[in-house]
Amino acid sequence: MKMTPIKTAILGGLFAATAADAINVDANFNGLWYRTDVQTRTGWALDYVKVGPERGLLNLTGYVYDTAGQPTWVSAQSFVNAGDSSVDFALKTVEHIGSTLNSSGTVSVLDFADLTMTFDSCTKISATIDNISTDLIDNTDLSFELTPFDGQGLNARDADVCPYQVEFTSCPSFSTPAQQPRTCIIQGTLTGNKTLTNNTNWVLNGPVFVGEDGGTTANLTIEPGTRVLGVSGNDFMAVQRGSKIFAEGTPTAPIVFTGPYNASSPEAGSGNWGGLIISGKAPLNICDDSVPFGQCEAVGEGGSGLYGGDDPYDSSGVIKYVRIQFGGFRINDEDELNGLSVQGAGSGTVLDYIQIHANEDDGIEFYGGTANAKHLVMTDIKDDSLDWTHGWQGNLQYVLVKQNPNASSVKERGIEADNFENNNEATPRSQPMIANATFIGGPSEDKTTTGMVLRRGTGANFTNVIVTGFEECIDLDSVATFDAAGTPENLTGTLTMENMVISCDLNFKEEAEDTFTVQSFFEAQPGNRVIDPALNGIYPTTDTPTGMAIDAEKWGPFFDKVNYIGAFKDQSTAWTSGWTEFLD
């Protein structure tokens, strides 16, 4: 692949500032490491302590032996960011002067040497010690390798414990080496079976298409712990119809799609890059009667490709334990990229344990189709956190939205929901089913924040949902929305709210053109309450109202039949632990 000179310069400048070079040095590397090429088996202990988003403090202790075989105990600390494979330490040693620690002696912390550790894999660390402050240690033999020991034996860390099993050697043929170590650049269209390994930073150069719509397909596998970076707003990844993405992270090694900066860097922010798009062959409702069913299709935002078709069971692959952060580049006022765009994806697609953070446009938007999702987190989104249109008929369970009240959008919403803007009565009608969700907003100085805006003929079924902290909780708009719902006395089942707790400055937005009041609609359904949910941050407390058991017959096999309200049963069992960021 050919790289443009401009992009090469951009990569060199940005990554020089961030120093990311592939492997996330974190708690996966905790424990004892030994130098096995010497009889003394020089040992080192590592302990990682998280101190911020994608940032930790790596503590190190160990022994260095002098030419007579006598040990010197040394220790050090160094901050490390996600993607930093190489870590520099300033080794210190402690000198005690006096007969005992209880005497009048003194303790001094002295500079000892410099140590660089390069984390090659879960079973190999390359280390170099130099600038030693004493002539008692031979400075010519202090480049060595370490291997882990976990009480069972050396080299005992398999992929279930630590995902970085293969040492980086070179970029594969479908990519181009970058100036930064262990960094490979991909661009254009990927076809066939390709894998993004976790020993490499993968940089998107412009739009990267997985497969060709109507042409050669692709299966893209992304290993746990992999980082995929966009450098500019025009960098995004789009999975085409007929192709699949298999991005399966783990709770301790999520896959991260992000911009060029570490999350703790002040330069990290919304719009740093594009976003992730998956397109499928499930039905849409945007075509008129002249287009036969199943042939309706649309073009995705940002030129991301065609989507739509006649297969509600279509699969675009698996996205699991994935963070998508700092994306959503604004192409123009009408064309922005969502964090995750789900375009005509079918129910065979697996979306589970996904966080979208600080996106310039919507967090996740469903454009038609039948895709389902569980365990979604949307934090600090600059527009709507959850959006749907074009006849989406999927299921959601366990959703957390923690909205940014000072976002740039004119009207910021937890949910913005449409059937189809140009024909509010279009079929199949948007009618997702959503259970166990928590929407948390806040007041804004210059605009209105709203928990849910349901409009343009959309349907939806909600149960065990919390909406709190917004200036407005619920707003129903458009004649077609009210008509589809029925009346408070005789609901059709197309739009329902049960077992909901809401608490906002204005709980119901009532407008003169509304067919009935939003309050009467809410109060006519079982289990609904206007009451403070008594949350501790995002989590329930003992004072949080209880929910109701999910009706198995009505809600079907996709849903876990839990009986609590909101996204979490309690903090101790929170499904966000380990793989998410930005929740503190």
Protein backbone atom coordinates (compact mmCIF):
# COMPACT_ATOMS: atom_id res chain seq x y z
CA MET A 1 0.00 0.00 0.00
CA LYS A 2 1.12 3.52 -0.73
CA MET A 3 1.17 6.22 1.92
CA THR A 4 0.74 9.89 1.12
CA PRO A 5 3.59 12.14 2.34
CA ILE A 6 1.15 14.38 4.21
CA LYS A 7 -0.33 11.54 6.26
CA THR A 8 3.15 10.21 7.02
CA ALA A 9 4.11 13.59 8.48
CA ILE A 10 0.93 13.75 10.53
CA LEU A 11 1.51 10.28 11.94
CA GLY A 12 5.08 11.04 12.88
CA GLY A 13 4.16 14.23 14.71
CA LEU A 14 1.14 12.95 16.59
CA PHE A 15 2.55 9.62 17.64
CA ALA A 16 5.82 11.17 18.68
CA ALA A 17 3.78 13.17 21.17
CA THR A 18 1.78 10.22 22.44
CA ALA A 19 4.51 7.55 22.32
CA ALA A 20 2.03 4.72 21.83
CA ASP A 21 3.59 1.57 20.46
CA ALA A 22 1.00 -1.17 20.64
CA ILE A 23 0.85 -3.29 23.80
CA ASN A 24 -1.18 -2.06 26.77
CA VAL A 25 1.07 -2.45 29.81
CA ASP A 26 -1.41 -2.91 32.63
CA ALA A 27 -2.50 -5.44 35.26
CA ASN A 28 -2.11 -8.24 32.69
CA PHE A 29 1.63 -8.03 33.41
CA ASN A 30 1.41 -8.01 37.22
CA GLY A 31 3.48 -10.52 39.15
CA LEU A 32 7.00 -11.95 39.22
CA TRP A 33 9.39 -11.91 36.27
CA TYR A 34 12.77 -13.69 36.22
CA ARG A 35 15.98 -13.41 34.30
CA THR A 36 16.62 -17.02 33.35
CA ASP A 37 20.02 -16.76 31.65
CA VAL A 38 21.92 -16.45 34.93
CA GLN A 39 22.14 -18.85 37.85
CA THR A 40 20.89 -16.30 40.37
CA ARG A 41 17.60 -15.95 38.48
CA THR A 42 17.40 -12.21 39.08
CA GLY A 43 13.78 -11.47 39.94
CA TRP A 44 11.53 -8.47 39.40
CA ALA A 45 8.02 -7.82 40.67
CA LEU A 46 5.55 -5.64 38.75
CA ASP A 47 2.36 -4.10 40.08
CA TYR A 48 0.05 -1.85 38.03
CA VAL A 49 -2.25 0.67 39.73
CA LYS A 50 -4.82 2.47 37.61
CA VAL A 51 -4.75 6.25 38.09
CA GLY A 52 -6.90 7.58 35.23
CA PRO A 53 -8.45 6.78 31.87
CA GLU A 54 -6.00 4.55 29.98
CA ARG A 55 -3.28 5.52 32.45
CA GLY A 56 -1.62 3.75 35.35
CA LEU A 57 1.36 3.75 37.71
CA LEU A 58 3.66 0.77 37.22
CA ASN A 59 5.56 -0.17 40.39
CA LEU A 60 8.72 -2.24 40.13
CA THR A 61 10.99 -3.90 42.68
CA GLY A 62 13.86 -6.32 42.24
CA TYR A 63 17.48 -7.23 42.85
CA VAL A 64 20.65 -6.44 40.97
CA TYR A 65 23.74 -8.53 41.80
CA ASP A 66 27.29 -7.22 41.94
CA THR A 67 30.39 -9.00 40.65
CA ALA A 68 30.71 -10.88 43.95
CA GLY A 69 27.14 -12.14 43.74
CA GLN A 70 25.82 -9.82 46.43
CA PRO A 71 22.29 -8.44 45.86
CA THR A 72 21.18 -4.82 45.84
CA TRP A 73 17.46 -4.20 46.26
CA VAL A 74 16.11 -1.55 43.88
CA SER A 75 12.68 -0.10 43.17
CA ALA A 76 11.03 2.41 40.85
CA GLN A 77 7.75 3.80 39.62
CA SER A 78 6.73 5.01 36.19
CA PHE A 79 3.51 6.28 34.67
CA VAL A 80 2.34 4.29 31.68
CA ASN A 81 -0.40 4.96 29.14
CA ALA A 82 -2.37 2.42 27.15
CA GLY A 83 -0.34 1.46 24.11
CA ASP A 84 3.04 2.12 25.73
CA SER A 85 5.11 -1.01 25.16
CA SER A 86 8.36 0.52 26.37
CA VAL A 87 8.65 1.93 29.91
CA ASP A 88 11.58 3.86 31.41
CA PHE A 89 12.34 3.62 35.12
CA ALA A 90 14.74 5.56 37.35
CA LEU A 91 15.90 2.84 39.74
CA LYS A 92 16.40 3.81 43.39
CA THR A 93 18.07 1.99 46.24
CA VAL A 94 17.78 2.49 50.00
CA GLU A 95 20.85 2.92 52.17
CA HIS A 96 20.56 2.58 55.93
CA ILE A 97 23.27 4.05 58.13
CA GLY A 98 23.17 2.79 61.70
CA SER A 99 23.15 -0.55 63.56
CA THR A 100 19.37 -1.20 63.44
CA LEU A 101 16.27 0.38 62.08
CA ASN A 102 15.34 1.28 65.66
CA SER A 103 18.61 3.12 66.23
CA SER A 104 19.38 6.73 65.51
CA GLY A 105 20.57 5.79 62.04
CA THR A 106 19.26 7.39 58.86
CA VAL A 107 17.70 6.05 55.70
CA SER A 108 18.59 7.56 52.34
CA VAL A 109 16.99 6.95 48.96
CA LEU A 110 19.73 7.04 46.34
CA ASP A 111 19.77 7.10 42.56
CA PHE A 112 21.01 3.74 41.33
CA ALA A 113 20.53 3.32 37.57
CA ASP A 114 18.20 3.70 34.61
CA LEU A 115 16.10 0.75 33.48
CA THR A 116 14.13 0.37 30.25
CA MET A 117 11.64 -2.46 29.93
CA THR A 118 10.13 -3.31 26.54
CA PHE A 119 7.10 -5.56 26.77
CA ASP A 120 7.36 -7.88 23.78
CA SER A 121 4.62 -10.32 24.77
CA CYS A 122 2.96 -11.85 27.80
CA THR A 123 5.94 -14.16 28.20
CA LYS A 124 8.85 -11.88 27.33
CA ILE A 125 10.17 -8.55 28.58
CA SER A 126 13.40 -7.15 27.14
CA ALA A 127 15.30 -5.10 29.73
CA THR A 128 18.35 -2.84 29.72
CA ILE A 129 20.06 -1.24 32.71
CA ASP A 130 22.57 1.56 32.25
CA ASN A 131 23.97 4.66 33.95
CA ILE A 132 24.71 2.60 37.06
CA SER A 133 26.00 4.68 39.95
CA THR A 134 28.39 2.06 41.39
CA ASP A 135 31.45 0.38 39.89
CA LEU A 136 30.71 -2.82 41.80
CA ILE A 137 28.32 -3.97 39.09
CA ASP A 138 29.46 -4.91 35.61
CA ASN A 139 27.71 -2.54 33.21
CA THR A 140 28.45 -4.68 30.15
CA ASP A 141 26.02 -7.52 30.83
CA LEU A 142 22.81 -5.73 31.69
CA SER A 143 20.71 -6.26 28.60
CA PHE A 144 18.61 -9.32 29.24
CA GLU A 145 15.20 -10.94 28.90
CA LEU A 146 12.61 -11.71 31.57
CA THR A 147 9.99 -14.41 31.65
CA PRO A 148 7.03 -14.67 34.05
CA PHE A 149 6.61 -16.97 37.01
CA ASP A 150 3.16 -17.50 38.52
CA GLY A 151 3.84 -20.23 41.06
CA GLN A 152 3.22 -22.99 38.54
CA GLY A 153 6.23 -22.49 36.36
CA LEU A 154 7.91 -20.22 33.87
CA ASN A 155 6.08 -19.09 30.71
CA ALA A 156 2.78 -19.94 32.37
CA ARG A 157 0.68 -16.98 31.17
CA ASP A 158 -1.65 -18.22 28.47
CA ALA A 159 -4.13 -16.17 26.45
CA ASP A 160 -6.87 -16.58 29.07
CA VAL A 161 -4.71 -14.56 31.47
CA CYS A 162 -2.90 -12.18 29.11
CA PRO A 163 -3.79 -11.64 25.44
CA TYR A 164 -0.44 -10.49 24.00
CA GLN A 165 0.96 -13.87 23.05
CA VAL A 166 2.85 -13.17 19.82
CA GLU A 167 5.82 -10.82 19.54
CA PHE A 168 5.68 -8.19 16.79
CA THR A 169 8.04 -8.78 13.87
CA SER A 170 6.73 -6.74 10.93
CA CYS A 171 3.60 -5.28 9.37
CA PRO A 172 1.62 -7.71 7.18
CA SER A 173 1.42 -7.26 3.42
CA PHE A 174 -1.99 -5.55 3.49
CA SER A 175 -0.54 -2.67 5.54
CA THR A 176 2.33 -0.17 5.51
CA PRO A 177 4.86 0.34 8.34
CA ALA A 178 4.62 3.71 10.07
CA GLN A 179 7.50 5.72 11.53
CA GLN A 180 6.32 4.82 15.03
CA PRO A 181 7.47 1.40 16.34
CA ARG A 182 5.03 -1.49 16.05
CA THR A 183 2.57 0.62 14.06
CA CYS A 184 0.96 -0.43 10.78
CA ILE A 185 -1.17 1.73 8.47
CA ILE A 186 -4.19 0.39 6.59
CA GLN A 187 -6.18 2.11 3.88
CA GLY A 188 -8.53 1.40 1.02
CA THR A 189 -10.45 -1.90 0.88
CA LEU A 190 -9.64 -5.08 2.79
CA THR A 191 -10.77 -8.33 1.18
CA GLY A 192 -10.51 -11.99 2.12
CA ASN A 193 -9.62 -13.01 5.66
CA LYS A 194 -7.58 -10.39 7.52
CA THR A 195 -6.53 -10.10 11.17
CA LEU A 196 -5.55 -7.03 13.17
CA THR A 197 -3.21 -8.38 15.84
CA ASN A 198 -2.84 -6.91 19.30
CA ASN A 199 0.94 -6.46 19.11
CA THR A 200 0.46 -3.61 16.63
CA ASN A 201 -1.16 -0.19 16.60
CA TRP A 202 -3.38 -0.11 13.51
CA VAL A 203 -3.78 3.32 11.96
CA LEU A 204 -6.59 4.14 9.54
CA ASN A 205 -5.54 6.25 6.57
CA GLY A 206 -8.81 7.65 5.24
CA PRO A 207 -11.89 5.42 4.84
CA VAL A 208 -11.07 1.74 5.35
CA PHE A 209 -13.70 -0.57 3.86
CA VAL A 210 -14.07 -4.16 5.00
CA GLY A 211 -15.10 -5.94 1.81
CA GLU A 212 -16.69 -4.64 -1.35
CA ASP A 213 -20.44 -4.21 -1.56
CA GLY A 214 -21.55 -6.53 -4.37
CA GLY A 215 -17.95 -7.67 -4.90
CA THR A 216 -15.26 -9.51 -2.95
CA THR A 217 -16.23 -9.91 0.70
CA ALA A 218 -14.01 -9.87 3.76
CA ASN A 219 -13.89 -11.31 7.27
CA LEU A 220 -11.94 -8.99 9.55
CA THR A 221 -10.81 -10.41 12.90
CA ILE A 222 -9.51 -8.05 15.62
CA GLU A 223 -7.71 -9.60 18.58
CA PRO A 224 -8.43 -8.70 22.24
CA GLY A 225 -6.41 -5.71 23.44
CA THR A 226 -5.95 -4.24 19.94
CA ARG A 227 -5.99 -0.47 19.37
CA VAL A 228 -7.28 0.93 16.07
CA LEU A 229 -6.53 4.62 15.62
CA GLY A 230 -7.79 7.34 13.33
CA VAL A 231 -5.54 10.35 12.94
CA SER A 232 -7.98 12.74 11.27
CA GLY A 233 -11.73 13.19 10.88
CA ASN A 234 -11.77 11.47 7.50
CA ASP A 235 -10.42 8.23 8.97
CA PHE A 236 -13.15 5.66 9.61
CA MET A 237 -13.85 1.94 9.22
CA ALA A 238 -16.91 0.70 7.32
CA VAL A 239 -17.95 -2.96 7.14
CA GLN A 240 -19.79 -3.49 3.84
CA ARG A 241 -22.86 -5.62 3.14
CA GLY A 242 -21.97 -9.29 2.93
CA SER A 243 -18.74 -8.87 4.90
CA LYS A 244 -18.18 -9.36 8.62
CA ILE A 245 -16.17 -7.97 11.49
CA PHE A 246 -15.18 -10.17 14.42
CA ALA A 247 -13.99 -7.72 17.08
CA GLU A 248 -14.12 -9.74 20.30
CA GLY A 249 -12.27 -8.26 23.23
CA THR A 250 -12.39 -9.43 26.84
CA PRO A 251 -13.25 -7.71 30.14
CA THR A 252 -9.54 -7.25 30.87
CA ALA A 253 -8.44 -6.59 27.27
CA PRO A 254 -11.10 -4.64 25.37
CA ILE A 255 -10.59 -3.61 21.77
CA VAL A 256 -10.34 0.18 21.43
CA PHE A 257 -11.19 2.35 18.43
CA THR A 258 -9.83 5.81 19.15
CA GLY A 259 -8.06 8.92 17.93
CA PRO A 260 -4.30 9.59 17.97
CA TYR A 261 -4.15 10.62 21.64
CA ASN A 262 -4.24 8.67 24.86
CA ALA A 263 -7.49 9.18 26.78
CA SER A 264 -5.66 11.03 29.57
CA SER A 265 -4.13 13.50 27.13
CA PRO A 266 -5.68 17.01 27.04
CA GLU A 267 -5.70 16.78 23.22
CA ALA A 268 -8.09 13.83 23.26
CA GLY A 269 -11.61 14.92 22.40
CA SER A 270 -14.66 14.48 20.24
CA GLY A 271 -14.13 14.59 16.48
CA ASN A 272 -10.49 13.41 16.62
CA TRP A 273 -11.37 10.79 13.99
CA GLY A 274 -14.41 9.31 12.20
CA GLY A 275 -16.16 6.26 13.62
CA LEU A 276 -17.15 2.63 13.06
CA ILE A 277 -19.91 1.68 10.60
CA ILE A 278 -21.42 -1.74 9.95
CA SER A 279 -23.83 -2.26 7.06
CA GLY A 280 -26.13 -5.20 6.48
CA LYS A 281 -28.93 -6.61 4.34
CA ALA A 282 -31.90 -6.30 6.70
CA PRO A 283 -35.06 -4.37 5.69
CA LEU A 284 -35.53 -0.59 5.66
CA ASN A 285 -38.75 1.45 5.37
CA ILE A 286 -37.54 4.46 3.38
CA CYS A 287 -38.67 3.41 -0.13
CA ASP A 288 -42.08 3.96 -1.71
CA ASP A 289 -44.33 1.29 -3.22
CA SER A 290 -42.47 1.40 -6.52
CA VAL A 291 -39.51 -0.40 -4.92
CA PRO A 292 -40.16 -4.12 -4.23
CA PHE A 293 -39.69 -5.26 -0.66
CA GLY A 294 -36.14 -6.30 -0.02
CA GLN A 295 -34.66 -4.07 -2.71
CA CYS A 296 -34.83 -0.91 -0.62
CA GLU A 297 -31.37 0.44 0.13
CA ALA A 298 -29.69 3.67 1.22
CA VAL A 299 -26.25 5.29 1.20
CA GLY A 300 -24.60 5.65 4.57
CA GLU A 301 -23.35 8.96 5.94
CA GLY A 302 -19.86 10.01 5.00
CA GLY A 303 -19.87 7.81 1.89
CA SER A 304 -19.71 4.70 4.08
CA GLY A 305 -21.50 2.47 1.53
CA LEU A 306 -24.91 1.01 0.72
CA TYR A 307 -27.08 -0.77 3.27
CA GLY A 308 -30.47 -2.50 3.39
CA GLY A 309 -32.00 -5.63 1.88
CA ASP A 310 -34.42 -8.48 2.51
CA ASP A 311 -32.73 -10.61 5.20
CA PRO A 312 -33.80 -9.75 8.77
CA TYR A 313 -31.47 -12.49 10.07
CA ASP A 314 -28.40 -11.14 8.30
CA SER A 315 -25.13 -11.05 10.26
CA SER A 316 -22.47 -8.37 10.05
CA GLY A 317 -20.32 -10.21 12.61
CA VAL A 318 -19.51 -9.67 16.29
CA ILE A 319 -18.57 -6.54 18.26
CA LYS A 320 -17.97 -7.41 21.90
CA TYR A 321 -16.01 -5.74 24.68
CA VAL A 322 -15.19 -2.76 22.49
CA ARG A 323 -14.68 0.95 23.27
CA ILE A 324 -15.23 3.54 20.54
CA GLN A 325 -14.01 6.92 21.72
CA PHE A 326 -13.31 10.52 20.56
CA GLY A 327 -14.89 10.09 17.12
CA GLY A 328 -17.73 11.66 15.16
CA PHE A 329 -16.02 14.05 12.79
CA ARG A 330 -18.43 16.66 11.40
CA ILE A 331 -18.19 16.43 7.62
CA ASN A 332 -20.79 19.20 7.25
CA ASP A 333 -23.93 20.37 9.08
CA GLU A 334 -25.98 17.50 7.60
CA ASP A 335 -23.37 14.76 7.52
CA GLU A 336 -21.64 13.63 10.69
CA LEU A 337 -20.31 10.26 11.75
CA ASN A 338 -21.76 8.48 14.75
CA GLY A 339 -19.57 6.58 17.16
CA LEU A 340 -21.19 3.36 15.95
CA SER A 341 -23.54 3.39 12.96
CA VAL A 342 -25.61 0.20 12.58
CA GLN A 343 -26.95 0.44 9.05
CA GLY A 344 -29.47 -2.20 8.03
CA ALA A 345 -27.78 -4.84 10.18
CA GLY A 346 -29.70 -8.02 10.88
CA SER A 347 -30.42 -9.96 14.05
CA GLY A 348 -27.53 -12.33 13.35
CA THR A 349 -25.17 -9.50 14.28
CA VAL A 350 -23.84 -9.67 17.87
CA LEU A 351 -23.44 -6.32 19.65
CA ASP A 352 -22.53 -6.75 23.32
CA TYR A 353 -20.45 -4.83 25.87
CA ILE A 354 -19.84 -1.68 23.82
CA GLN A 355 -18.97 1.78 25.09
CA ILE A 356 -19.09 4.93 22.98
CA HIS A 357 -17.43 7.95 24.57
CA ALA A 358 -17.14 11.63 23.63
CA ASN A 359 -18.52 11.34 20.13
CA GLU A 360 -19.18 14.60 18.30
CA ASP A 361 -22.45 13.32 16.83
CA ASP A 362 -24.68 10.53 18.13
CA GLY A 363 -23.32 7.71 20.23
CA ILE A 364 -25.01 4.82 18.42
CA GLU A 365 -27.61 5.09 15.67
CA PHE A 366 -29.67 2.27 14.18
CA TYR A 367 -30.74 2.84 10.58
CA GLY A 368 -33.45 0.27 10.02
CA GLY A 369 -32.68 -3.41 10.28
CA THR A 370 -33.23 -5.82 13.14
CA ALA A 371 -29.94 -5.75 15.07
CA ASN A 372 -30.06 -6.35 18.83
CA ALA A 373 -27.63 -5.24 21.51
CA LYS A 374 -26.86 -5.77 25.19
CA HIS A 375 -24.62 -3.93 27.65
CA LEU A 376 -24.27 -0.55 25.97
CA VAL A 377 -22.56 2.44 27.59
CA MET A 378 -22.68 5.96 26.16
CA THR A 379 -20.78 8.68 27.99
CA ASP A 380 -20.15 12.35 27.26
CA ILE A 381 -21.85 12.21 23.86
CA LYS A 382 -22.08 15.62 22.20
CA ASP A 383 -25.44 15.00 20.49
CA ASP A 384 -27.97 12.21 21.05
CA SER A 385 -26.70 9.13 22.83
CA LEU A 386 -29.15 6.62 21.32
CA ASP A 387 -30.80 7.31 17.96
CA TRP A 388 -32.90 5.25 15.57
CA THR A 389 -34.75 5.67 12.29
CA HIS A 390 -35.70 3.92 8.99
CA GLY A 391 -37.81 1.23 10.67
CA TRP A 392 -35.43 -0.27 13.23
CA GLN A 393 -36.98 -3.28 14.98
CA GLY A 394 -34.33 -4.56 17.36
CA ASN A 395 -33.98 -5.27 21.08
CA LEU A 396 -31.82 -3.60 23.73
CA GLN A 397 -31.14 -4.64 27.31
CA TYR A 398 -28.77 -3.10 29.86
CA VAL A 399 -28.13 0.41 28.60
CA LEU A 400 -26.33 3.20 30.45
CA VAL A 401 -26.39 6.76 29.14
CA LYS A 402 -24.48 9.42 31.05
CA GLN A 403 -25.07 12.48 28.92
CA ASN A 404 -22.91 15.58 28.71
CA PRO A 405 -25.16 18.56 29.56
CA ASN A 406 -22.75 21.07 28.01
CA ALA A 407 -22.45 19.44 24.60
CA SER A 408 -22.37 21.42 21.38
CA SER A 409 -25.72 20.20 20.07
CA VAL A 410 -28.61 22.66 19.98
CA LYS A 411 -30.84 20.07 21.64
CA GLU A 412 -29.18 17.26 23.46
CA ARG A 413 -31.11 14.05 24.06
CA GLY A 414 -30.64 10.68 25.68
CA ILE A 415 -32.87 9.20 22.95
CA GLU A 416 -33.92 10.73 19.64
CA ALA A 417 -36.22 8.29 17.86
CA ASP A 418 -37.86 8.39 14.43
CA ASN A 419 -39.80 6.06 12.23
CA PHE A 420 -38.98 7.80 8.93
CA GLU A 421 -38.79 11.57 8.55
CA ASN A 422 -40.27 11.72 5.03
CA ASN A 423 -43.13 9.30 5.74
CA ASN A 424 -44.04 8.94 9.38
CA GLU A 425 -46.38 6.02 8.61
CA ALA A 426 -43.77 4.00 6.68
CA THR A 427 -43.55 0.28 7.33
CA PRO A 428 -41.98 -1.71 8.82
CA ARG A 429 -42.41 0.83 11.63
CA SER A 430 -39.56 1.50 14.03
CA GLN A 431 -40.45 -0.43 17.18
CA PRO A 432 -37.50 -1.51 19.31
CA MET A 433 -37.96 -3.17 22.70
CA ILE A 434 -35.77 -1.68 25.45
CA ALA A 435 -35.36 -3.03 28.99
CA ASN A 436 -33.14 -2.14 31.93
CA ALA A 437 -31.81 1.22 30.88
CA THR A 438 -30.56 4.20 32.88
CA PHE A 439 -30.49 7.66 31.27
CA ILE A 440 -28.70 10.33 33.30
CA GLY A 441 -28.59 13.93 32.13
CA GLY A 442 -27.93 17.35 33.55
CA PRO A 443 -28.99 20.99 33.14
CA SER A 444 -27.39 23.18 30.49
CA GLU A 445 -26.82 26.93 30.47
CA ASP A 446 -27.81 27.53 26.83
CA LYS A 447 -30.14 24.75 25.61
CA THR A 448 -32.70 22.17 26.65
CA THR A 449 -31.65 18.66 27.60
CA THR A 450 -34.24 15.90 27.16
CA GLY A 451 -34.21 12.28 28.23
CA MET A 452 -36.43 10.87 25.46
CA VAL A 453 -37.79 12.45 22.29
CA LEU A 454 -40.06 9.96 20.49
CA ARG A 455 -41.31 11.36 17.21
CA ARG A 456 -42.12 10.94 13.49
CA GLY A 457 -44.32 7.90 14.01
CA THR A 458 -41.90 5.74 15.96
CA GLY A 459 -43.06 2.92 18.15
CA ALA A 460 -41.12 1.45 21.09
CA ASN A 461 -41.67 -0.71 24.16
CA PHE A 462 -39.91 0.21 27.40
CA THR A 463 -39.70 -1.57 30.73
CA ASN A 464 -37.59 -1.11 33.88
CA VAL A 465 -36.12 2.19 32.68
CA ILE A 466 -34.79 5.18 34.67
CA VAL A 467 -34.70 8.73 33.24
CA THR A 468 -33.27 11.36 35.56
CA GLY A 469 -31.37 14.65 35.73
CA PHE A 470 -32.47 16.12 32.39
CA GLU A 471 -34.35 19.37 32.12
CA GLU A 472 -37.14 17.41 30.42
CA CYS A 473 -37.77 13.68 30.82
CA ILE A 474 -40.24 12.63 28.10
CA ASP A 475 -41.37 14.37 24.92
CA LEU A 476 -43.75 12.78 22.40
CA ASP A 477 -43.92 14.55 19.04
CA SER A 478 -45.71 14.18 15.68
CA VAL A 479 -49.31 13.21 14.99
CA ALA A 480 -48.22 9.83 13.63
CA THR A 481 -46.56 8.95 16.94
CA PHE A 482 -49.75 9.58 18.91
CA ASP A 483 -51.90 7.80 16.31
CA ALA A 484 -49.70 4.71 16.39
CA ALA A 485 -49.80 4.61 20.20
CA GLY A 486 -53.62 4.74 20.41
CA THR A 487 -54.98 6.55 23.47
CA PRO A 488 -54.16 6.31 27.17
CA GLU A 489 -57.44 4.41 27.62
CA ASN A 490 -56.86 2.11 24.65
CA LEU A 491 -53.20 1.62 23.80
CA THR A 492 -52.32 -0.34 20.68
CA GLY A 493 -49.06 -1.74 22.10
CA THR A 494 -46.95 0.02 19.46
CA LEU A 495 -45.64 2.56 21.97
CA THR A 496 -45.61 1.54 25.64
CA MET A 497 -43.83 2.47 28.86
CA GLU A 498 -44.03 0.22 31.89
CA ASN A 499 -42.10 0.02 35.16
CA MET A 500 -40.38 3.35 34.55
CA VAL A 501 -39.00 5.85 37.05
CA ILE A 502 -38.52 9.44 35.91
CA SER A 503 -37.25 12.53 37.72
CA CYS A 504 -36.45 15.73 35.80
CA ASP A 505 -37.04 19.47 36.17
CA LEU A 506 -39.99 18.98 33.81
CA ASN A 507 -41.12 15.38 33.69
CA PHE A 508 -43.54 15.69 30.75
CA LYS A 509 -43.24 18.10 27.87
CA GLU A 510 -46.81 18.98 26.89
CA GLU A 511 -47.53 20.81 23.61
CA ALA A 512 -50.75 22.23 22.21
CA GLU A 513 -50.73 20.01 19.12
CA ASP A 514 -50.39 16.78 21.12
CA THR A 515 -53.36 14.41 20.75
CA PHE A 516 -53.26 13.55 24.45
CA THR A 517 -51.03 14.56 27.33
CA VAL A 518 -47.75 12.78 27.83
CA GLN A 519 -48.53 12.60 31.55
CA SER A 520 -51.82 10.76 30.96
CA PHE A 521 -50.05 8.32 28.64
CA PHE A 522 -47.37 7.65 31.27
CA GLU A 523 -49.79 7.32 34.18
CA ALA A 524 -52.09 4.93 32.32
CA GLN A 525 -49.47 2.17 32.26
CA PRO A 526 -48.43 -0.16 35.09
CA GLY A 527 -45.47 0.43 37.36
CA ASN A 528 -44.63 3.97 36.23
CA ARG A 529 -43.55 6.43 38.92
CA VAL A 530 -42.38 10.03 39.13
CA ILE A 531 -39.86 9.75 41.93
CA ASP A 532 -36.17 10.32 42.63
CA PRO A 533 -34.38 7.08 41.66
CA ALA A 534 -31.90 7.66 44.51
CA LEU A 535 -28.85 6.63 42.50
CA ASN A 536 -25.29 6.69 43.75
CA GLY A 537 -23.71 8.07 40.60
CA ILE A 538 -24.79 5.54 37.98
CA TYR A 539 -25.61 2.73 40.42
CA PRO A 540 -28.77 1.90 42.39
CA THR A 541 -28.89 2.10 46.16
CA THR A 542 -31.07 0.47 48.76
CA ASP A 543 -33.42 3.45 48.32
CA THR A 544 -33.79 2.98 44.55
CA PRO A 545 -37.35 1.90 43.64
CA THR A 546 -37.73 -1.75 42.75
CA GLY A 547 -38.66 -2.90 39.26
CA MET A 548 -41.02 -5.58 38.04
CA ALA A 549 -40.28 -8.96 36.55
CA ILE A 550 -40.02 -8.91 32.77
CA ASP A 551 -42.90 -10.76 31.15
CA ALA A 552 -41.31 -13.75 29.43
CA GLU A 553 -44.12 -14.22 26.93
CA LYS A 554 -44.18 -10.58 25.85
CA TRP A 555 -40.45 -9.92 25.79
CA GLY A 556 -39.14 -13.13 24.27
CA PRO A 557 -35.91 -15.14 24.59
CA PHE A 558 -33.47 -12.29 23.92
CA PHE A 559 -34.20 -10.65 27.27
CA ASP A 560 -32.92 -11.81 30.65
CA LYS A 561 -35.99 -11.98 32.88
CA VAL A 562 -34.68 -9.74 35.67
CA ASN A 563 -36.86 -7.83 38.12
CA TYR A 564 -34.83 -4.69 38.85
CA ILE A 565 -35.10 -1.24 37.37
CA GLY A 566 -32.31 0.48 35.48
CA ALA A 567 -29.10 -0.84 33.94
CA PHE A 568 -27.65 -2.45 37.07
CA LYS A 569 -28.79 -4.76 39.81
CA ASP A 570 -26.17 -3.29 42.16
CA GLN A 571 -22.69 -1.83 42.04
CA SER A 572 -20.91 -5.00 43.19
CA THR A 573 -22.10 -6.95 40.14
CA ALA A 574 -21.86 -4.10 37.62
CA TRP A 575 -21.21 -5.38 34.11
CA THR A 576 -19.16 -2.25 33.34
CA SER A 577 -16.23 -3.37 35.52
CA GLY A 578 -12.83 -3.65 33.88
CA TRP A 579 -13.41 -2.78 30.24
CA THR A 580 -15.03 0.68 30.43
CA GLU A 581 -13.51 4.09 31.14
CA PHE A 582 -14.79 7.58 32.04
CA LEU A 583 -17.44 6.46 34.57
CA ASP A 584 -15.90 8.05 37.67
